[in-house]
Amino acid sequence: AAMSSFPKEMTTMLASNLGGIVPVRLIVF
């Protein structure tokens, strides 16, 4: 089964855009 019941503070941060423009995931890459 899929695991979805976990704290999402860190994943939300990774899915966000720095300054509303540059994706955080792009910076990691």
mmCIF file of all heavy atoms, coordinates in Angstrom:
data_MODEL
# 
_entry.id   MODEL 
# 
loop_
_atom_site.group_PDB 
_atom_site.id 
_atom_site.type_symbol 
_atom_site.label_atom_id 
_atom_site.label_alt_id 
_atom_site.label_comp_id 
_atom_site.label_asym_id 
_atom_site.label_entity_id 
_atom_site.label_seq_id 
_atom_site.pdbx_PDB_ins_code 
_atom_site.Cartn_x 
_atom_site.Cartn_y 
_atom_site.Cartn_z 
_atom_site.occupancy 
_atom_site.B_iso_or_equiv 
_atom_site.pdbx_formal_charge 
_atom_site.auth_seq_id 
_atom_site.auth_comp_id 
_atom_site.auth_asym_id 
_atom_site.auth_atom_id 
_atom_site.pdbx_PDB_model_num 
ATOM 1   N N   . ALA A 1 1  ? 0.837  -1.202 0.000   1.00 0.00 ? 1  ALA A N   1 
ATOM 2   C CA  . ALA A 1 1  ? 0.000  0.000  0.000   1.00 0.00 ? 1  ALA A CA  1 
ATOM 3   C C   . ALA A 1 1  ? 0.873  1.254  0.000   1.00 0.00 ? 1  ALA A C   1 
ATOM 4   O O   . ALA A 1 1  ? 2.068  1.205  0.303   1.00 0.00 ? 1  ALA A O   1 
ATOM 5   C CB  . ALA A 1 1  ? -0.915 0.005  1.223   1.00 0.00 ? 1  ALA A CB  1 
ATOM 6   N N   . ALA A 1 2  ? 0.264  2.365  -0.341  1.00 0.00 ? 2  ALA A N   1 
ATOM 7   C CA  . ALA A 1 2  ? 0.974  3.640  -0.333  1.00 0.00 ? 2  ALA A CA  1 
ATOM 8   C C   . ALA A 1 2  ? 1.023  4.215  1.072   1.00 0.00 ? 2  ALA A C   1 
ATOM 9   O O   . ALA A 1 2  ? 0.060  4.109  1.827   1.00 0.00 ? 2  ALA A O   1 
ATOM 10  C CB  . ALA A 1 2  ? 0.291  4.624  -1.279  1.00 0.00 ? 2  ALA A CB  1 
ATOM 11  N N   . MET A 1 3  ? 2.162  4.803  1.418   1.00 0.00 ? 3  MET A N   1 
ATOM 12  C CA  . MET A 1 3  ? 2.308  5.478  2.708   1.00 0.00 ? 3  MET A CA  1 
ATOM 13  C C   . MET A 1 3  ? 2.107  6.979  2.501   1.00 0.00 ? 3  MET A C   1 
ATOM 14  O O   . MET A 1 3  ? 2.901  7.625  1.821   1.00 0.00 ? 3  MET A O   1 
ATOM 15  C CB  . MET A 1 3  ? 3.708  5.225  3.289   1.00 0.00 ? 3  MET A CB  1 
ATOM 16  C CG  . MET A 1 3  ? 3.968  3.801  3.705   1.00 0.00 ? 3  MET A CG  1 
ATOM 17  S SD  . MET A 1 3  ? 5.623  3.618  4.434   1.00 0.00 ? 3  MET A SD  1 
ATOM 18  C CE  . MET A 1 3  ? 5.487  4.700  5.858   1.00 0.00 ? 3  MET A CE  1 
ATOM 19  N N   . SER A 1 4  ? 1.058  7.510  3.053   1.00 0.00 ? 4  SER A N   1 
ATOM 20  C CA  . SER A 1 4  ? 0.778  8.946  2.895   1.00 0.00 ? 4  SER A CA  1 
ATOM 21  C C   . SER A 1 4  ? 0.585  9.659  4.228   1.00 0.00 ? 4  SER A C   1 
ATOM 22  O O   . SER A 1 4  ? 0.590  10.888 4.284   1.00 0.00 ? 4  SER A O   1 
ATOM 23  C CB  . SER A 1 4  ? -0.472 9.145  2.038   1.00 0.00 ? 4  SER A CB  1 
ATOM 24  O OG  . SER A 1 4  ? -1.585 8.460  2.589   1.00 0.00 ? 4  SER A OG  1 
ATOM 25  N N   . SER A 1 5  ? 0.448  8.890  5.307   1.00 0.00 ? 5  SER A N   1 
ATOM 26  C CA  . SER A 1 5  ? 0.230  9.491  6.629   1.00 0.00 ? 5  SER A CA  1 
ATOM 27  C C   . SER A 1 5  ? 1.568  9.702  7.337   1.00 0.00 ? 5  SER A C   1 
ATOM 28  O O   . SER A 1 5  ? 1.979  8.914  8.198   1.00 0.00 ? 5  SER A O   1 
ATOM 29  C CB  . SER A 1 5  ? -0.678 8.599  7.478   1.00 0.00 ? 5  SER A CB  1 
ATOM 30  O OG  . SER A 1 5  ? -1.946 8.452  6.868   1.00 0.00 ? 5  SER A OG  1 
ATOM 31  N N   . PHE A 1 6  ? 2.270  10.739 6.931   1.00 0.00 ? 6  PHE A N   1 
ATOM 32  C CA  . PHE A 1 6  ? 3.521  11.106 7.587   1.00 0.00 ? 6  PHE A CA  1 
ATOM 33  C C   . PHE A 1 6  ? 3.642  12.632 7.552   1.00 0.00 ? 6  PHE A C   1 
ATOM 34  O O   . PHE A 1 6  ? 3.002  13.299 6.726   1.00 0.00 ? 6  PHE A O   1 
ATOM 35  C CB  . PHE A 1 6  ? 4.723  10.450 6.881   1.00 0.00 ? 6  PHE A CB  1 
ATOM 36  C CG  . PHE A 1 6  ? 4.904  10.866 5.443   1.00 0.00 ? 6  PHE A CG  1 
ATOM 37  C CD1 . PHE A 1 6  ? 5.694  11.963 5.118   1.00 0.00 ? 6  PHE A CD1 1 
ATOM 38  C CD2 . PHE A 1 6  ? 4.286  10.161 4.418   1.00 0.00 ? 6  PHE A CD2 1 
ATOM 39  C CE1 . PHE A 1 6  ? 5.862  12.346 3.798   1.00 0.00 ? 6  PHE A CE1 1 
ATOM 40  C CE2 . PHE A 1 6  ? 4.452  10.543 3.091   1.00 0.00 ? 6  PHE A CE2 1 
ATOM 41  C CZ  . PHE A 1 6  ? 5.242  11.636 2.783   1.00 0.00 ? 6  PHE A CZ  1 
ATOM 42  N N   . PRO A 1 7  ? 4.430  13.219 8.435   1.00 0.00 ? 7  PRO A N   1 
ATOM 43  C CA  . PRO A 1 7  ? 4.584  14.678 8.464   1.00 0.00 ? 7  PRO A CA  1 
ATOM 44  C C   . PRO A 1 7  ? 5.154  15.181 7.137   1.00 0.00 ? 7  PRO A C   1 
ATOM 45  O O   . PRO A 1 7  ? 6.162  14.658 6.658   1.00 0.00 ? 7  PRO A O   1 
ATOM 46  C CB  . PRO A 1 7  ? 5.574  14.914 9.610   1.00 0.00 ? 7  PRO A CB  1 
ATOM 47  C CG  . PRO A 1 7  ? 5.499  13.688 10.443  1.00 0.00 ? 7  PRO A CG  1 
ATOM 48  C CD  . PRO A 1 7  ? 5.200  12.564 9.512   1.00 0.00 ? 7  PRO A CD  1 
ATOM 49  N N   . LYS A 1 8  ? 4.549  16.187 6.580   1.00 0.00 ? 8  LYS A N   1 
ATOM 50  C CA  . LYS A 1 8  ? 4.930  16.635 5.233   1.00 0.00 ? 8  LYS A CA  1 
ATOM 51  C C   . LYS A 1 8  ? 5.615  18.002 5.207   1.00 0.00 ? 8  LYS A C   1 
ATOM 52  O O   . LYS A 1 8  ? 5.692  18.632 4.146   1.00 0.00 ? 8  LYS A O   1 
ATOM 53  C CB  . LYS A 1 8  ? 3.695  16.644 4.334   1.00 0.00 ? 8  LYS A CB  1 
ATOM 54  C CG  . LYS A 1 8  ? 3.096  15.246 4.133   1.00 0.00 ? 8  LYS A CG  1 
ATOM 55  C CD  . LYS A 1 8  ? 1.918  15.272 3.202   1.00 0.00 ? 8  LYS A CD  1 
ATOM 56  C CE  . LYS A 1 8  ? 1.421  13.858 2.886   1.00 0.00 ? 8  LYS A CE  1 
ATOM 57  N NZ  . LYS A 1 8  ? 0.972  13.128 4.067   1.00 0.00 ? 8  LYS A NZ  1 
ATOM 58  N N   . GLU A 1 9  ? 6.123  18.439 6.356   1.00 0.00 ? 9  GLU A N   1 
ATOM 59  C CA  . GLU A 1 9  ? 6.779  19.755 6.398   1.00 0.00 ? 9  GLU A CA  1 
ATOM 60  C C   . GLU A 1 9  ? 8.003  19.796 5.482   1.00 0.00 ? 9  GLU A C   1 
ATOM 61  O O   . GLU A 1 9  ? 8.202  20.754 4.725   1.00 0.00 ? 9  GLU A O   1 
ATOM 62  C CB  . GLU A 1 9  ? 7.203  20.097 7.839   1.00 0.00 ? 9  GLU A CB  1 
ATOM 63  C CG  . GLU A 1 9  ? 6.071  20.445 8.772   1.00 0.00 ? 9  GLU A CG  1 
ATOM 64  C CD  . GLU A 1 9  ? 5.339  19.223 9.307   1.00 0.00 ? 9  GLU A CD  1 
ATOM 65  O OE1 . GLU A 1 9  ? 5.846  18.097 9.098   1.00 0.00 ? 9  GLU A OE1 1 
ATOM 66  O OE2 . GLU A 1 9  ? 4.273  19.404 9.912   1.00 0.00 ? 9  GLU A OE2 1 
ATOM 67  N N   . MET A 1 10 ? 8.827  18.751 5.528   1.00 0.00 ? 10 MET A N   1 
ATOM 68  C CA  . MET A 1 10 ? 10.059 18.739 4.724   1.00 0.00 ? 10 MET A CA  1 
ATOM 69  C C   . MET A 1 10 ? 9.744  18.552 3.246   1.00 0.00 ? 10 MET A C   1 
ATOM 70  O O   . MET A 1 10 ? 10.346 19.203 2.394   1.00 0.00 ? 10 MET A O   1 
ATOM 71  C CB  . MET A 1 10 ? 10.991 17.630 5.210   1.00 0.00 ? 10 MET A CB  1 
ATOM 72  C CG  . MET A 1 10 ? 12.331 17.620 4.501   1.00 0.00 ? 10 MET A CG  1 
ATOM 73  S SD  . MET A 1 10 ? 13.482 16.413 5.210   1.00 0.00 ? 10 MET A SD  1 
ATOM 74  C CE  . MET A 1 10 ? 14.926 16.685 4.159   1.00 0.00 ? 10 MET A CE  1 
ATOM 75  N N   . THR A 1 11 ? 8.805  17.659 2.937   1.00 0.00 ? 11 THR A N   1 
ATOM 76  C CA  . THR A 1 11 ? 8.457  17.429 1.536   1.00 0.00 ? 11 THR A CA  1 
ATOM 77  C C   . THR A 1 11 ? 7.775  18.657 0.934   1.00 0.00 ? 11 THR A C   1 
ATOM 78  O O   . THR A 1 11 ? 7.963  18.956 -0.241  1.00 0.00 ? 11 THR A O   1 
ATOM 79  C CB  . THR A 1 11 ? 7.532  16.204 1.395   1.00 0.00 ? 11 THR A CB  1 
ATOM 80  O OG1 . THR A 1 11 ? 6.370  16.387 2.224   1.00 0.00 ? 11 THR A OG1 1 
ATOM 81  C CG2 . THR A 1 11 ? 8.250  14.933 1.814   1.00 0.00 ? 11 THR A CG2 1 
ATOM 82  N N   . THR A 1 12 ? 7.003  19.375 1.734   1.00 0.00 ? 12 THR A N   1 
ATOM 83  C CA  . THR A 1 12 ? 6.379  20.612 1.257   1.00 0.00 ? 12 THR A CA  1 
ATOM 84  C C   . THR A 1 12 ? 7.440  21.657 0.944   1.00 0.00 ? 12 THR A C   1 
ATOM 85  O O   . THR A 1 12 ? 7.340  22.388 -0.046  1.00 0.00 ? 12 THR A O   1 
ATOM 86  C CB  . THR A 1 12 ? 5.398  21.172 2.316   1.00 0.00 ? 12 THR A CB  1 
ATOM 87  O OG1 . THR A 1 12 ? 4.392  20.205 2.585   1.00 0.00 ? 12 THR A OG1 1 
ATOM 88  C CG2 . THR A 1 12 ? 4.741  22.450 1.821   1.00 0.00 ? 12 THR A CG2 1 
ATOM 89  N N   . MET A 1 13 ? 8.473  21.714 1.789   1.00 0.00 ? 13 MET A N   1 
ATOM 90  C CA  . MET A 1 13 ? 9.574  22.641 1.554   1.00 0.00 ? 13 MET A CA  1 
ATOM 91  C C   . MET A 1 13 ? 10.311 22.301 0.260   1.00 0.00 ? 13 MET A C   1 
ATOM 92  O O   . MET A 1 13 ? 10.636 23.187 -0.542  1.00 0.00 ? 13 MET A O   1 
ATOM 93  C CB  . MET A 1 13 ? 10.544 22.603 2.743   1.00 0.00 ? 13 MET A CB  1 
ATOM 94  C CG  . MET A 1 13 ? 11.718 23.575 2.651   1.00 0.00 ? 13 MET A CG  1 
ATOM 95  S SD  . MET A 1 13 ? 13.150 22.887 1.775   1.00 0.00 ? 13 MET A SD  1 
ATOM 96  C CE  . MET A 1 13 ? 13.667 21.604 2.906   1.00 0.00 ? 13 MET A CE  1 
ATOM 97  N N   . LEU A 1 14 ? 10.550 21.001 0.028   1.00 0.00 ? 14 LEU A N   1 
ATOM 98  C CA  . LEU A 1 14 ? 11.239 20.575 -1.193  1.00 0.00 ? 14 LEU A CA  1 
ATOM 99  C C   . LEU A 1 14 ? 10.383 20.819 -2.443  1.00 0.00 ? 14 LEU A C   1 
ATOM 100 O O   . LEU A 1 14 ? 10.916 21.032 -3.532  1.00 0.00 ? 14 LEU A O   1 
ATOM 101 C CB  . LEU A 1 14 ? 11.600 19.092 -1.099  1.00 0.00 ? 14 LEU A CB  1 
ATOM 102 C CG  . LEU A 1 14 ? 12.716 18.727 -0.120  1.00 0.00 ? 14 LEU A CG  1 
ATOM 103 C CD1 . LEU A 1 14 ? 12.809 17.223 0.053   1.00 0.00 ? 14 LEU A CD1 1 
ATOM 104 C CD2 . LEU A 1 14 ? 14.049 19.298 -0.577  1.00 0.00 ? 14 LEU A CD2 1 
ATOM 105 N N   . ALA A 1 15 ? 9.072  20.790 -2.278  1.00 0.00 ? 15 ALA A N   1 
ATOM 106 C CA  . ALA A 1 15 ? 8.175  20.995 -3.411  1.00 0.00 ? 15 ALA A CA  1 
ATOM 107 C C   . ALA A 1 15 ? 7.891  22.467 -3.672  1.00 0.00 ? 15 ALA A C   1 
ATOM 108 O O   . ALA A 1 15 ? 7.203  22.807 -4.642  1.00 0.00 ? 15 ALA A O   1 
ATOM 109 C CB  . ALA A 1 15 ? 6.855  20.264 -3.169  1.00 0.00 ? 15 ALA A CB  1 
ATOM 110 N N   . SER A 1 16 ? 8.430  23.344 -2.844  1.00 0.00 ? 16 SER A N   1 
ATOM 111 C CA  . SER A 1 16 ? 8.162  24.777 -2.978  1.00 0.00 ? 16 SER A CA  1 
ATOM 112 C C   . SER A 1 16 ? 9.129  25.438 -3.956  1.00 0.00 ? 16 SER A C   1 
ATOM 113 O O   . SER A 1 16 ? 10.061 24.797 -4.460  1.00 0.00 ? 16 SER A O   1 
ATOM 114 C CB  . SER A 1 16 ? 8.271  25.459 -1.609  1.00 0.00 ? 16 SER A CB  1 
ATOM 115 O OG  . SER A 1 16 ? 9.599  25.362 -1.110  1.00 0.00 ? 16 SER A OG  1 
ATOM 116 N N   . ASN A 1 17 ? 8.910  26.707 -4.216  1.00 0.00 ? 17 ASN A N   1 
ATOM 117 C CA  . ASN A 1 17 ? 9.754  27.498 -5.100  1.00 0.00 ? 17 ASN A CA  1 
ATOM 118 C C   . ASN A 1 17 ? 10.444 28.599 -4.309  1.00 0.00 ? 17 ASN A C   1 
ATOM 119 O O   . ASN A 1 17 ? 9.783  29.341 -3.571  1.00 0.00 ? 17 ASN A O   1 
ATOM 120 C CB  . ASN A 1 17 ? 8.929  28.118 -6.232  1.00 0.00 ? 17 ASN A CB  1 
ATOM 121 C CG  . ASN A 1 17 ? 8.250  27.072 -7.090  1.00 0.00 ? 17 ASN A CG  1 
ATOM 122 O OD1 . ASN A 1 17 ? 8.854  26.062 -7.450  1.00 0.00 ? 17 ASN A OD1 1 
ATOM 123 N ND2 . ASN A 1 17 ? 6.982  27.274 -7.401  1.00 0.00 ? 17 ASN A ND2 1 
ATOM 124 N N   . LEU A 1 18 ? 11.739 28.686 -4.439  1.00 0.00 ? 18 LEU A N   1 
ATOM 125 C CA  . LEU A 1 18 ? 12.509 29.702 -3.735  1.00 0.00 ? 18 LEU A CA  1 
ATOM 126 C C   . LEU A 1 18 ? 12.178 31.072 -4.319  1.00 0.00 ? 18 LEU A C   1 
ATOM 127 O O   . LEU A 1 18 ? 12.374 31.315 -5.509  1.00 0.00 ? 18 LEU A O   1 
ATOM 128 C CB  . LEU A 1 18 ? 14.010 29.415 -3.867  1.00 0.00 ? 18 LEU A CB  1 
ATOM 129 C CG  . LEU A 1 18 ? 14.945 30.241 -2.975  1.00 0.00 ? 18 LEU A CG  1 
ATOM 130 C CD1 . LEU A 1 18 ? 14.695 29.929 -1.505  1.00 0.00 ? 18 LEU A CD1 1 
ATOM 131 C CD2 . LEU A 1 18 ? 16.403 29.946 -3.323  1.00 0.00 ? 18 LEU A CD2 1 
ATOM 132 N N   . GLY A 1 19 ? 11.661 31.954 -3.464  1.00 0.00 ? 19 GLY A N   1 
ATOM 133 C CA  . GLY A 1 19 ? 11.259 33.271 -3.927  1.00 0.00 ? 19 GLY A CA  1 
ATOM 134 C C   . GLY A 1 19 ? 10.059 33.227 -4.845  1.00 0.00 ? 19 GLY A C   1 
ATOM 135 O O   . GLY A 1 19 ? 9.782  34.198 -5.557  1.00 0.00 ? 19 GLY A O   1 
ATOM 136 N N   . GLY A 1 20 ? 9.363  32.074 -4.827  1.00 0.00 ? 20 GLY A N   1 
ATOM 137 C CA  . GLY A 1 20 ? 8.206  31.912 -5.695  1.00 0.00 ? 20 GLY A CA  1 
ATOM 138 C C   . GLY A 1 20 ? 8.566  31.699 -7.148  1.00 0.00 ? 20 GLY A C   1 
ATOM 139 O O   . GLY A 1 20 ? 7.686  31.642 -8.019  1.00 0.00 ? 20 GLY A O   1 
ATOM 140 N N   . ILE A 1 21 ? 9.862  31.531 -7.441  1.00 0.00 ? 21 ILE A N   1 
ATOM 141 C CA  . ILE A 1 21 ? 10.318 31.429 -8.839  1.00 0.00 ? 21 ILE A CA  1 
ATOM 142 C C   . ILE A 1 21 ? 11.092 30.139 -9.099  1.00 0.00 ? 21 ILE A C   1 
ATOM 143 O O   . ILE A 1 21 ? 10.736 29.341 -9.955  1.00 0.00 ? 21 ILE A O   1 
ATOM 144 C CB  . ILE A 1 21 ? 11.195 32.647 -9.210  1.00 0.00 ? 21 ILE A CB  1 
ATOM 145 C CG1 . ILE A 1 21 ? 10.398 33.948 -9.074  1.00 0.00 ? 21 ILE A CG1 1 
ATOM 146 C CG2 . ILE A 1 21 ? 11.739 32.503 -10.634 1.00 0.00 ? 21 ILE A CG2 1 
ATOM 147 C CD1 . ILE A 1 21 ? 11.216 35.195 -9.276  1.00 0.00 ? 21 ILE A CD1 1 
ATOM 148 N N   . VAL A 1 22 ? 12.186 29.930 -8.360  1.00 0.00 ? 22 VAL A N   1 
ATOM 149 C CA  . VAL A 1 22 ? 13.094 28.806 -8.620  1.00 0.00 ? 22 VAL A CA  1 
ATOM 150 C C   . VAL A 1 22 ? 12.710 27.604 -7.757  1.00 0.00 ? 22 VAL A C   1 
ATOM 151 O O   . VAL A 1 22 ? 12.713 27.705 -6.523  1.00 0.00 ? 22 VAL A O   1 
ATOM 152 C CB  . VAL A 1 22 ? 14.553 29.199 -8.324  1.00 0.00 ? 22 VAL A CB  1 
ATOM 153 C CG1 . VAL A 1 22 ? 15.496 28.042 -8.672  1.00 0.00 ? 22 VAL A CG1 1 
ATOM 154 C CG2 . VAL A 1 22 ? 14.946 30.445 -9.099  1.00 0.00 ? 22 VAL A CG2 1 
ATOM 155 N N   . PRO A 1 23 ? 12.379 26.460 -8.369  1.00 0.00 ? 23 PRO A N   1 
ATOM 156 C CA  . PRO A 1 23 ? 12.034 25.257 -7.591  1.00 0.00 ? 23 PRO A CA  1 
ATOM 157 C C   . PRO A 1 23 ? 13.205 24.779 -6.737  1.00 0.00 ? 23 PRO A C   1 
ATOM 158 O O   . PRO A 1 23 ? 14.347 24.749 -7.211  1.00 0.00 ? 23 PRO A O   1 
ATOM 159 C CB  . PRO A 1 23 ? 11.688 24.225 -8.675  1.00 0.00 ? 23 PRO A CB  1 
ATOM 160 C CG  . PRO A 1 23 ? 11.332 25.029 -9.882  1.00 0.00 ? 23 PRO A CG  1 
ATOM 161 C CD  . PRO A 1 23 ? 12.202 26.248 -9.816  1.00 0.00 ? 23 PRO A CD  1 
ATOM 162 N N   . VAL A 1 24 ? 12.918 24.429 -5.497  1.00 0.00 ? 24 VAL A N   1 
ATOM 163 C CA  . VAL A 1 24 ? 13.963 23.941 -4.595  1.00 0.00 ? 24 VAL A CA  1 
ATOM 164 C C   . VAL A 1 24 ? 14.574 22.656 -5.135  1.00 0.00 ? 24 VAL A C   1 
ATOM 165 O O   . VAL A 1 24 ? 15.779 22.429 -5.040  1.00 0.00 ? 24 VAL A O   1 
ATOM 166 C CB  . VAL A 1 24 ? 13.383 23.707 -3.178  1.00 0.00 ? 24 VAL A CB  1 
ATOM 167 C CG1 . VAL A 1 24 ? 14.424 23.060 -2.267  1.00 0.00 ? 24 VAL A CG1 1 
ATOM 168 C CG2 . VAL A 1 24 ? 12.898 25.018 -2.579  1.00 0.00 ? 24 VAL A CG2 1 
ATOM 169 N N   . ARG A 1 25 ? 13.742 21.805 -5.753  1.00 0.00 ? 25 ARG A N   1 
ATOM 170 C CA  . ARG A 1 25 ? 14.242 20.543 -6.320  1.00 0.00 ? 25 ARG A CA  1 
ATOM 171 C C   . ARG A 1 25 ? 15.245 20.788 -7.447  1.00 0.00 ? 25 ARG A C   1 
ATOM 172 O O   . ARG A 1 25 ? 16.182 20.022 -7.629  1.00 0.00 ? 25 ARG A O   1 
ATOM 173 C CB  . ARG A 1 25 ? 13.075 19.690 -6.806  1.00 0.00 ? 25 ARG A CB  1 
ATOM 174 C CG  . ARG A 1 25 ? 12.387 18.932 -5.705  1.00 0.00 ? 25 ARG A CG  1 
ATOM 175 C CD  . ARG A 1 25 ? 11.203 18.142 -6.193  1.00 0.00 ? 25 ARG A CD  1 
ATOM 176 N NE  . ARG A 1 25 ? 10.046 18.982 -6.448  1.00 0.00 ? 25 ARG A NE  1 
ATOM 177 C CZ  . ARG A 1 25 ? 8.828  18.534 -6.683  1.00 0.00 ? 25 ARG A CZ  1 
ATOM 178 N NH1 . ARG A 1 25 ? 8.607  17.237 -6.691  1.00 0.00 ? 25 ARG A NH1 1 
ATOM 179 N NH2 . ARG A 1 25 ? 7.825  19.343 -6.890  1.00 0.00 ? 25 ARG A NH2 1 
ATOM 180 N N   . LEU A 1 26 ? 15.049 21.867 -8.198  1.00 0.00 ? 26 LEU A N   1 
ATOM 181 C CA  . LEU A 1 26 ? 15.999 22.222 -9.255  1.00 0.00 ? 26 LEU A CA  1 
ATOM 182 C C   . LEU A 1 26 ? 17.348 22.604 -8.646  1.00 0.00 ? 26 LEU A C   1 
ATOM 183 O O   . LEU A 1 26 ? 18.401 22.240 -9.187  1.00 0.00 ? 26 LEU A O   1 
ATOM 184 C CB  . LEU A 1 26 ? 15.448 23.375 -10.091 1.00 0.00 ? 26 LEU A CB  1 
ATOM 185 C CG  . LEU A 1 26 ? 16.367 23.895 -11.203 1.00 0.00 ? 26 LEU A CG  1 
ATOM 186 C CD1 . LEU A 1 26 ? 16.638 22.807 -12.230 1.00 0.00 ? 26 LEU A CD1 1 
ATOM 187 C CD2 . LEU A 1 26 ? 15.757 25.123 -11.873 1.00 0.00 ? 26 LEU A CD2 1 
ATOM 188 N N   . ILE A 1 27 ? 17.304 23.303 -7.530  1.00 0.00 ? 27 ILE A N   1 
ATOM 189 C CA  . ILE A 1 27 ? 18.549 23.697 -6.856  1.00 0.00 ? 27 ILE A CA  1 
ATOM 190 C C   . ILE A 1 27 ? 19.311 22.462 -6.390  1.00 0.00 ? 27 ILE A C   1 
ATOM 191 O O   . ILE A 1 27 ? 20.538 22.375 -6.539  1.00 0.00 ? 27 ILE A O   1 
ATOM 192 C CB  . ILE A 1 27 ? 18.234 24.620 -5.659  1.00 0.00 ? 27 ILE A CB  1 
ATOM 193 C CG1 . ILE A 1 27 ? 17.604 25.931 -6.146  1.00 0.00 ? 27 ILE A CG1 1 
ATOM 194 C CG2 . ILE A 1 27 ? 19.503 24.918 -4.864  1.00 0.00 ? 27 ILE A CG2 1 
ATOM 195 C CD1 . ILE A 1 27 ? 17.110 26.831 -5.044  1.00 0.00 ? 27 ILE A CD1 1 
ATOM 196 N N   . VAL A 1 28 ? 18.585 21.478 -5.839  1.00 0.00 ? 28 VAL A N   1 
ATOM 197 C CA  . VAL A 1 28 ? 19.221 20.224 -5.405  1.00 0.00 ? 28 VAL A CA  1 
ATOM 198 C C   . VAL A 1 28 ? 19.887 19.533 -6.595  1.00 0.00 ? 28 VAL A C   1 
ATOM 199 O O   . VAL A 1 28 ? 21.034 19.075 -6.503  1.00 0.00 ? 28 VAL A O   1 
ATOM 200 C CB  . VAL A 1 28 ? 18.187 19.287 -4.750  1.00 0.00 ? 28 VAL A CB  1 
ATOM 201 C CG1 . VAL A 1 28 ? 18.823 17.928 -4.420  1.00 0.00 ? 28 VAL A CG1 1 
ATOM 202 C CG2 . VAL A 1 28 ? 17.608 19.913 -3.489  1.00 0.00 ? 28 VAL A CG2 1 
ATOM 203 N N   . PHE A 1 29 ? 19.165 19.470 -7.713  1.00 0.00 ? 29 PHE A N   1 
ATOM 204 C CA  . PHE A 1 29 ? 19.714 18.835 -8.916  1.00 0.00 ? 29 PHE A CA  1 
ATOM 205 C C   . PHE A 1 29 ? 20.971 19.554 -9.389  1.00 0.00 ? 29 PHE A C   1 
ATOM 206 O O   . PHE A 1 29 ? 21.970 18.914 -9.734  1.00 0.00 ? 29 PHE A O   1 
ATOM 207 C CB  . PHE A 1 29 ? 18.668 18.822 -10.026 1.00 0.00 ? 29 PHE A CB  1 
ATOM 208 C CG  . PHE A 1 29 ? 19.186 18.306 -11.349 1.00 0.00 ? 29 PHE A CG  1 
ATOM 209 C CD1 . PHE A 1 29 ? 19.295 16.943 -11.579 1.00 0.00 ? 29 PHE A CD1 1 
ATOM 210 C CD2 . PHE A 1 29 ? 19.589 19.183 -12.339 1.00 0.00 ? 29 PHE A CD2 1 
ATOM 211 C CE1 . PHE A 1 29 ? 19.793 16.464 -12.791 1.00 0.00 ? 29 PHE A CE1 1 
ATOM 212 C CE2 . PHE A 1 29 ? 20.092 18.721 -13.549 1.00 0.00 ? 29 PHE A CE2 1 
ATOM 213 C CZ  . PHE A 1 29 ? 20.190 17.355 -13.773 1.00 0.00 ? 29 PHE A CZ  1 
# 
